[in-house]
């Protein structure tokens, strides 16, 4: 595998990671409501989710989805249901006041990592995305070390991007702005998450 092809995979994934989606919405809200540490752990969960789908694509999961469409549909519906659950929770707690910075009661790191992982894993179309990129740029004879390096870069891309998002939305100015508009923003975020879930289910 050439260096140019390796860097192309890394760049394509970084651009995909930066595109808005359910992970961005969950990251921004978590950073504003629970602080940077929780959102940072969430970012690690996103990275693990990306690494999971990349590994699955290399193992041929995208091809399996084509051969067994019912499996893909089942995973889509399961992922969509999880996102819709998150959306409902956002709407239910939209009017709950944002706690003061000193009174934050954030979820633990493991719970945040789990939420990030499940949020990212809720979209099996990611495996198809990775499969398409790998088929075009990663030769079948690419050694295991190169494949492992690609997965490591994908994990780092996803995690570092959402660490940046977490830092931005956990700043006092962003948190204060969120607090003033919490009910409106939570409902907007909940609607977006629901839309992403329905898009996954029906696309």
C-alpha atoms as a PDB file:
ATOM      1  CA  UNK A   1       0.000   0.000   0.000  1.00  0.00           C
ATOM      2  CA  UNK A   2       1.457   3.363  -0.997  1.00  0.00           C
ATOM      3  CA  UNK A   3       1.872   6.238   1.446  1.00  0.00           C
ATOM      4  CA  UNK A   4      -0.427   8.353  -0.723  1.00  0.00           C
ATOM      5  CA  UNK A   5      -3.210   5.754  -0.474  1.00  0.00           C
ATOM      6  CA  UNK A   6      -2.719   5.470   3.294  1.00  0.00           C
ATOM      7  CA  UNK A   7      -2.931   9.236   3.747  1.00  0.00           C
ATOM      8  CA  UNK A   8      -5.969   9.371   1.454  1.00  0.00           C
ATOM      9  CA  UNK A   9      -7.869   6.931   3.693  1.00  0.00           C
ATOM     10  CA  UNK A  10      -6.906   8.983   6.758  1.00  0.00           C
ATOM     11  CA  UNK A  11      -8.032  12.257   5.166  1.00  0.00           C
ATOM     12  CA  UNK A  12     -11.308  10.848   3.833  1.00  0.00           C
ATOM     13  CA  UNK A  13     -12.155   9.513   7.262  1.00  0.00           C
ATOM     14  CA  UNK A  14     -11.219  12.763   9.014  1.00  0.00           C
ATOM     15  CA  UNK A  15     -13.544  14.718   6.729  1.00  0.00           C
ATOM     16  CA  UNK A  16     -16.301  12.163   7.338  1.00  0.00           C
ATOM     17  CA  UNK A  17     -15.739  12.375  11.109  1.00  0.00           C
ATOM     18  CA  UNK A  18     -16.106  16.160  10.991  1.00  0.00           C
ATOM     19  CA  UNK A  19     -19.418  16.038   9.113  1.00  0.00           C
ATOM     20  CA  UNK A  20     -22.450  16.698  11.373  1.00  0.00           C
ATOM     21  CA  UNK A  21     -24.284  13.663  12.655  1.00  0.00           C
ATOM     22  CA  UNK A  22     -25.757  12.188  15.838  1.00  0.00           C
ATOM     23  CA  UNK A  23     -22.304  11.935  17.440  1.00  0.00           C
ATOM     24  CA  UNK A  24     -21.781  15.685  17.080  1.00  0.00           C
ATOM     25  CA  UNK A  25     -25.149  16.501  18.622  1.00  0.00           C
ATOM     26  CA  UNK A  26     -24.596  14.161  21.582  1.00  0.00           C
ATOM     27  CA  UNK A  27     -21.045  15.456  22.066  1.00  0.00           C
ATOM     28  CA  UNK A  28     -22.041  19.129  22.071  1.00  0.00           C
ATOM     29  CA  UNK A  29     -24.916  18.578  24.497  1.00  0.00           C
ATOM     30  CA  UNK A  30     -22.859  16.391  26.839  1.00  0.00           C
ATOM     31  CA  UNK A  31     -20.019  18.930  26.952  1.00  0.00           C
ATOM     32  CA  UNK A  32     -22.419  21.764  27.787  1.00  0.00           C
ATOM     33  CA  UNK A  33     -24.422  19.860  30.401  1.00  0.00           C
ATOM     34  CA  UNK A  34     -21.852  17.522  31.988  1.00  0.00           C
ATOM     35  CA  UNK A  35     -18.498  19.180  31.364  1.00  0.00           C
ATOM     36  CA  UNK A  36     -15.320  18.430  29.458  1.00  0.00           C
ATOM     37  CA  UNK A  37     -14.238  15.267  31.276  1.00  0.00           C
ATOM     38  CA  UNK A  38     -17.455  13.425  30.533  1.00  0.00           C
ATOM     39  CA  UNK A  39     -17.473  14.634  26.928  1.00  0.00           C
ATOM     40  CA  UNK A  40     -13.824  13.557  26.585  1.00  0.00           C
ATOM     41  CA  UNK A  41     -14.723  10.036  27.718  1.00  0.00           C
ATOM     42  CA  UNK A  42     -17.610  10.162  25.242  1.00  0.00           C
ATOM     43  CA  UNK A  43     -15.075  10.988  22.512  1.00  0.00           C
ATOM     44  CA  UNK A  44     -13.129   7.842  23.363  1.00  0.00           C
ATOM     45  CA  UNK A  45     -16.354   5.871  22.928  1.00  0.00           C
ATOM     46  CA  UNK A  46     -16.839   7.418  19.493  1.00  0.00           C
ATOM     47  CA  UNK A  47     -13.275   6.437  18.600  1.00  0.00           C
ATOM     48  CA  UNK A  48     -13.879   2.864  19.707  1.00  0.00           C
ATOM     49  CA  UNK A  49     -17.081   2.769  17.651  1.00  0.00           C
ATOM     50  CA  UNK A  50     -15.238   3.978  14.566  1.00  0.00           C
ATOM     51  CA  UNK A  51     -12.491   1.408  15.125  1.00  0.00           C
ATOM     52  CA  UNK A  52     -15.144  -1.310  15.484  1.00  0.00           C
ATOM     53  CA  UNK A  53     -16.802  -0.524  12.146  1.00  0.00           C
ATOM     54  CA  UNK A  54     -13.428  -0.125  10.404  1.00  0.00           C
ATOM     55  CA  UNK A  55     -12.313  -3.517  11.702  1.00  0.00           C
ATOM     56  CA  UNK A  56     -15.630  -5.056  10.728  1.00  0.00           C
ATOM     57  CA  UNK A  57     -15.343  -3.618   7.215  1.00  0.00           C
ATOM     58  CA  UNK A  58     -11.858  -5.074   6.842  1.00  0.00           C
ATOM     59  CA  UNK A  59     -13.231  -8.421   8.007  1.00  0.00           C
ATOM     60  CA  UNK A  60     -15.862  -8.323   5.273  1.00  0.00           C
ATOM     61  CA  UNK A  61     -18.940  -7.172   7.178  1.00  0.00           C
ATOM     62  CA  UNK A  62     -19.975  -4.839   4.343  1.00  0.00           C
ATOM     63  CA  UNK A  63     -19.991  -7.850   1.997  1.00  0.00           C
ATOM     64  CA  UNK A  64     -21.961  -9.849   4.571  1.00  0.00           C
ATOM     65  CA  UNK A  65     -24.571  -7.088   4.674  1.00  0.00           C
ATOM     66  CA  UNK A  66     -24.940  -7.415   0.898  1.00  0.00           C
ATOM     67  CA  UNK A  67     -25.286 -11.189   1.107  1.00  0.00           C
ATOM     68  CA  UNK A  68     -27.675 -11.132   4.085  1.00  0.00           C
ATOM     69  CA  UNK A  69     -29.787  -7.959   3.744  1.00  0.00           C
ATOM     70  CA  UNK A  70     -31.987  -8.972   6.689  1.00  0.00           C
ATOM     71  CA  UNK A  71     -28.986  -8.642   9.020  1.00  0.00           C
ATOM     72  CA  UNK A  72     -28.320  -5.116   7.804  1.00  0.00           C
ATOM     73  CA  UNK A  73     -31.990  -4.163   8.205  1.00  0.00           C
ATOM     74  CA  UNK A  74     -32.073  -5.574  11.742  1.00  0.00           C
ATOM     75  CA  UNK A  75     -28.972  -3.628  12.737  1.00  0.00           C
ATOM     76  CA  UNK A  76     -30.348  -0.443  11.173  1.00  0.00           C
ATOM     77  CA  UNK A  77     -33.613  -0.749  13.059  1.00  0.00           C
ATOM     78  CA  UNK A  78     -31.812  -1.473  16.324  1.00  0.00           C
ATOM     79  CA  UNK A  79     -29.557   1.554  15.863  1.00  0.00           C
ATOM     80  CA  UNK A  80     -32.472   3.778  14.911  1.00  0.00           C
ATOM     81  CA  UNK A  81     -34.385   2.670  18.026  1.00  0.00           C
ATOM     82  CA  UNK A  82     -31.418   3.623  20.220  1.00  0.00           C
ATOM     83  CA  UNK A  83     -31.191   7.095  18.668  1.00  0.00           C
ATOM     84  CA  UNK A  84     -34.936   7.608  19.042  1.00  0.00           C
ATOM     85  CA  UNK A  85     -34.602   6.685  22.718  1.00  0.00           C
ATOM     86  CA  UNK A  86     -31.933   9.378  23.149  1.00  0.00           C
ATOM     87  CA  UNK A  87     -34.204  11.865  21.349  1.00  0.00           C
ATOM     88  CA  UNK A  88     -37.126  11.104  23.663  1.00  0.00           C
ATOM     89  CA  UNK A  89     -34.899  11.568  26.739  1.00  0.00           C
ATOM     90  CA  UNK A  90     -33.757  14.959  25.420  1.00  0.00           C
ATOM     91  CA  UNK A  91     -37.350  16.104  24.945  1.00  0.00           C
ATOM     92  CA  UNK A  92     -38.435  14.798  28.362  1.00  0.00           C
ATOM     93  CA  UNK A  93     -35.674  16.676  30.183  1.00  0.00           C
ATOM     94  CA  UNK A  94     -35.666  19.789  28.023  1.00  0.00           C
ATOM     95  CA  UNK A  95     -37.174  21.959  30.777  1.00  0.00           C
ATOM     96  CA  UNK A  96     -34.838  20.642  33.485  1.00  0.00           C
ATOM     97  CA  UNK A  97     -32.618  23.604  34.453  1.00  0.00           C
ATOM     98  CA  UNK A  98     -28.919  23.367  33.680  1.00  0.00           C
ATOM     99  CA  UNK A  99     -27.038  22.897  36.988  1.00  0.00           C
ATOM    100  CA  UNK A 100     -24.415  25.379  38.072  1.00  0.00           C
ATOM    101  CA  UNK A 101     -20.856  24.470  37.096  1.00  0.00           C
ATOM    102  CA  UNK A 102     -20.000  23.588  40.693  1.00  0.00           C
ATOM    103  CA  UNK A 103     -23.089  21.387  41.034  1.00  0.00           C
ATOM    104  CA  UNK A 104     -22.486  19.207  37.978  1.00  0.00           C
ATOM    105  CA  UNK A 105     -23.282  15.546  38.540  1.00  0.00           C
ATOM    106  CA  UNK A 106     -21.875  14.012  35.360  1.00  0.00           C
ATOM    107  CA  UNK A 107     -22.032  10.342  34.465  1.00  0.00           C
ATOM    108  CA  UNK A 108     -18.873   8.322  35.090  1.00  0.00           C
ATOM    109  CA  UNK A 109     -16.167   7.787  32.438  1.00  0.00           C
ATOM    110  CA  UNK A 110     -17.209   4.206  31.678  1.00  0.00           C
ATOM    111  CA  UNK A 111     -20.850   5.213  31.256  1.00  0.00           C
ATOM    112  CA  UNK A 112     -19.798   8.053  28.933  1.00  0.00           C
ATOM    113  CA  UNK A 113     -17.561   5.745  26.884  1.00  0.00           C
ATOM    114  CA  UNK A 114     -20.432   3.260  26.621  1.00  0.00           C
ATOM    115  CA  UNK A 115     -22.844   5.973  25.457  1.00  0.00           C
ATOM    116  CA  UNK A 116     -20.335   7.183  22.857  1.00  0.00           C
ATOM    117  CA  UNK A 117     -19.690   3.656  21.622  1.00  0.00           C
ATOM    118  CA  UNK A 118     -23.396   2.792  21.348  1.00  0.00           C
ATOM    119  CA  UNK A 119     -24.202   6.105  19.657  1.00  0.00           C
ATOM    120  CA  UNK A 120     -21.542   5.515  17.016  1.00  0.00           C
ATOM    121  CA  UNK A 121     -22.322   1.827  16.660  1.00  0.00           C
ATOM    122  CA  UNK A 122     -25.993   2.649  16.048  1.00  0.00           C
ATOM    123  CA  UNK A 123     -25.262   3.385  12.390  1.00  0.00           C
ATOM    124  CA  UNK A 124     -24.217   0.185  10.528  1.00  0.00           C
ATOM    125  CA  UNK A 125     -23.951   2.214   7.311  1.00  0.00           C
ATOM    126  CA  UNK A 126     -20.546   3.262   8.659  1.00  0.00           C
ATOM    127  CA  UNK A 127     -19.285  -0.245   7.912  1.00  0.00           C
ATOM    128  CA  UNK A 128     -20.417   0.164   4.297  1.00  0.00           C
ATOM    129  CA  UNK A 129     -18.645   3.549   4.121  1.00  0.00           C
ATOM    130  CA  UNK A 130     -15.411   2.018   5.371  1.00  0.00           C
ATOM    131  CA  UNK A 131     -15.867  -0.976   3.073  1.00  0.00           C
ATOM    132  CA  UNK A 132     -16.183   1.303   0.027  1.00  0.00           C
ATOM    133  CA  UNK A 133     -13.109   3.323   1.021  1.00  0.00           C
ATOM    134  CA  UNK A 134     -11.034   0.242   1.788  1.00  0.00           C
ATOM    135  CA  UNK A 135     -11.992  -1.536  -1.436  1.00  0.00           C
ATOM    136  CA  UNK A 136     -10.836   1.470  -3.447  1.00  0.00           C
ATOM    137  CA  UNK A 137      -7.643   2.300  -1.555  1.00  0.00           C
ATOM    138  CA  UNK A 138      -6.477  -0.665   0.551  1.00  0.00           C
ATOM    139  CA  UNK A 139      -5.069  -3.514  -1.558  1.00  0.00           C
ATOM    140  CA  UNK A 140      -6.085  -7.052  -0.624  1.00  0.00           C
ATOM    141  CA  UNK A 141      -2.431  -7.928   0.029  1.00  0.00           C
ATOM    142  CA  UNK A 142      -1.895  -5.050   2.489  1.00  0.00           C
ATOM    143  CA  UNK A 143      -0.043  -6.442   5.519  1.00  0.00           C
ATOM    144  CA  UNK A 144      -1.662  -6.722   8.924  1.00  0.00           C
ATOM    145  CA  UNK A 145       0.578  -3.971  10.323  1.00  0.00           C
ATOM    146  CA  UNK A 146      -0.735  -1.483   7.745  1.00  0.00           C
ATOM    147  CA  UNK A 147      -4.335  -2.442   8.448  1.00  0.00           C
ATOM    148  CA  UNK A 148      -3.744  -2.074  12.197  1.00  0.00           C
ATOM    149  CA  UNK A 149      -2.152   1.341  11.595  1.00  0.00           C
ATOM    150  CA  UNK A 150      -5.211   2.445   9.588  1.00  0.00           C
ATOM    151  CA  UNK A 151      -7.566   1.403  12.380  1.00  0.00           C
ATOM    152  CA  UNK A 152      -5.376   3.223  14.918  1.00  0.00           C
ATOM    153  CA  UNK A 153      -5.485   6.410  12.824  1.00  0.00           C
ATOM    154  CA  UNK A 154      -9.257   6.120  12.426  1.00  0.00           C
ATOM    155  CA  UNK A 155      -9.589   5.807  16.218  1.00  0.00           C
ATOM    156  CA  UNK A 156      -7.357   8.856  16.721  1.00  0.00           C
ATOM    157  CA  UNK A 157      -9.172  10.930  14.076  1.00  0.00           C
ATOM    158  CA  UNK A 158     -12.558  10.303  15.640  1.00  0.00           C
ATOM    159  CA  UNK A 159     -11.402  10.758  19.223  1.00  0.00           C
ATOM    160  CA  UNK A 160      -9.335  13.901  18.650  1.00  0.00           C
ATOM    161  CA  UNK A 161     -12.075  15.609  16.632  1.00  0.00           C
ATOM    162  CA  UNK A 162     -14.638  15.028  19.360  1.00  0.00           C
ATOM    163  CA  UNK A 163     -12.168  16.084  22.028  1.00  0.00           C
ATOM    164  CA  UNK A 164     -12.009  19.411  20.185  1.00  0.00           C
ATOM    165  CA  UNK A 165     -15.827  19.565  20.061  1.00  0.00           C
ATOM    166  CA  UNK A 166     -15.972  18.696  23.763  1.00  0.00           C
ATOM    167  CA  UNK A 167     -13.514  21.442  24.648  1.00  0.00           C
ATOM    168  CA  UNK A 168     -15.354  24.056  22.603  1.00  0.00           C
ATOM    169  CA  UNK A 169     -18.816  23.338  24.003  1.00  0.00           C
ATOM    170  CA  UNK A 170     -17.621  22.990  27.595  1.00  0.00           C
ATOM    171  CA  UNK A 171     -16.211  26.541  27.695  1.00  0.00           C
ATOM    172  CA  UNK A 172     -18.083  28.908  30.046  1.00  0.00           C
ATOM    173  CA  UNK A 173     -19.375  31.100  27.219  1.00  0.00           C
ATOM    174  CA  UNK A 174     -20.807  28.135  25.316  1.00  0.00           C
ATOM    175  CA  UNK A 175     -22.221  26.642  28.503  1.00  0.00           C
ATOM    176  CA  UNK A 176     -23.896  29.922  29.496  1.00  0.00           C
ATOM    177  CA  UNK A 177     -25.414  30.324  26.035  1.00  0.00           C
ATOM    178  CA  UNK A 178     -26.702  26.759  26.206  1.00  0.00           C
ATOM    179  CA  UNK A 179     -28.163  27.366  29.654  1.00  0.00           C
ATOM    180  CA  UNK A 180     -30.165  30.367  28.444  1.00  0.00           C
ATOM    181  CA  UNK A 181     -31.682  28.398  25.574  1.00  0.00           C
ATOM    182  CA  UNK A 182     -31.670  24.905  27.072  1.00  0.00           C
ATOM    183  CA  UNK A 183     -35.328  23.997  26.509  1.00  0.00           C
ATOM    184  CA  UNK A 184     -35.236  25.157  22.900  1.00  0.00           C
ATOM    185  CA  UNK A 185     -31.841  23.588  22.149  1.00  0.00           C
ATOM    186  CA  UNK A 186     -32.644  20.252  23.795  1.00  0.00           C
ATOM    187  CA  UNK A 187     -35.806  19.979  21.729  1.00  0.00           C
ATOM    188  CA  UNK A 188     -33.920  20.968  18.580  1.00  0.00           C
ATOM    189  CA  UNK A 189     -31.155  18.454  19.356  1.00  0.00           C
ATOM    190  CA  UNK A 190     -33.736  15.798  20.172  1.00  0.00           C
ATOM    191  CA  UNK A 191     -35.473  16.437  16.861  1.00  0.00           C
ATOM    192  CA  UNK A 192     -32.150  16.178  15.009  1.00  0.00           C
ATOM    193  CA  UNK A 193     -31.268  12.911  16.733  1.00  0.00           C
ATOM    194  CA  UNK A 194     -34.724  11.533  15.892  1.00  0.00           C
ATOM    195  CA  UNK A 195     -34.261  12.627  12.272  1.00  0.00           C
ATOM    196  CA  UNK A 196     -30.896  10.871  12.107  1.00  0.00           C
ATOM    197  CA  UNK A 197     -32.480   7.740  13.574  1.00  0.00           C
ATOM    198  CA  UNK A 198     -35.303   7.750  11.041  1.00  0.00           C
ATOM    199  CA  UNK A 199     -32.841   8.387   8.221  1.00  0.00           C
ATOM    200  CA  UNK A 200     -30.835   5.331   9.299  1.00  0.00           C
ATOM    201  CA  UNK A 201     -33.988   3.219   9.554  1.00  0.00           C
ATOM    202  CA  UNK A 202     -35.454   4.131   6.166  1.00  0.00           C
ATOM    203  CA  UNK A 203     -32.419   4.746   3.965  1.00  0.00           C
END
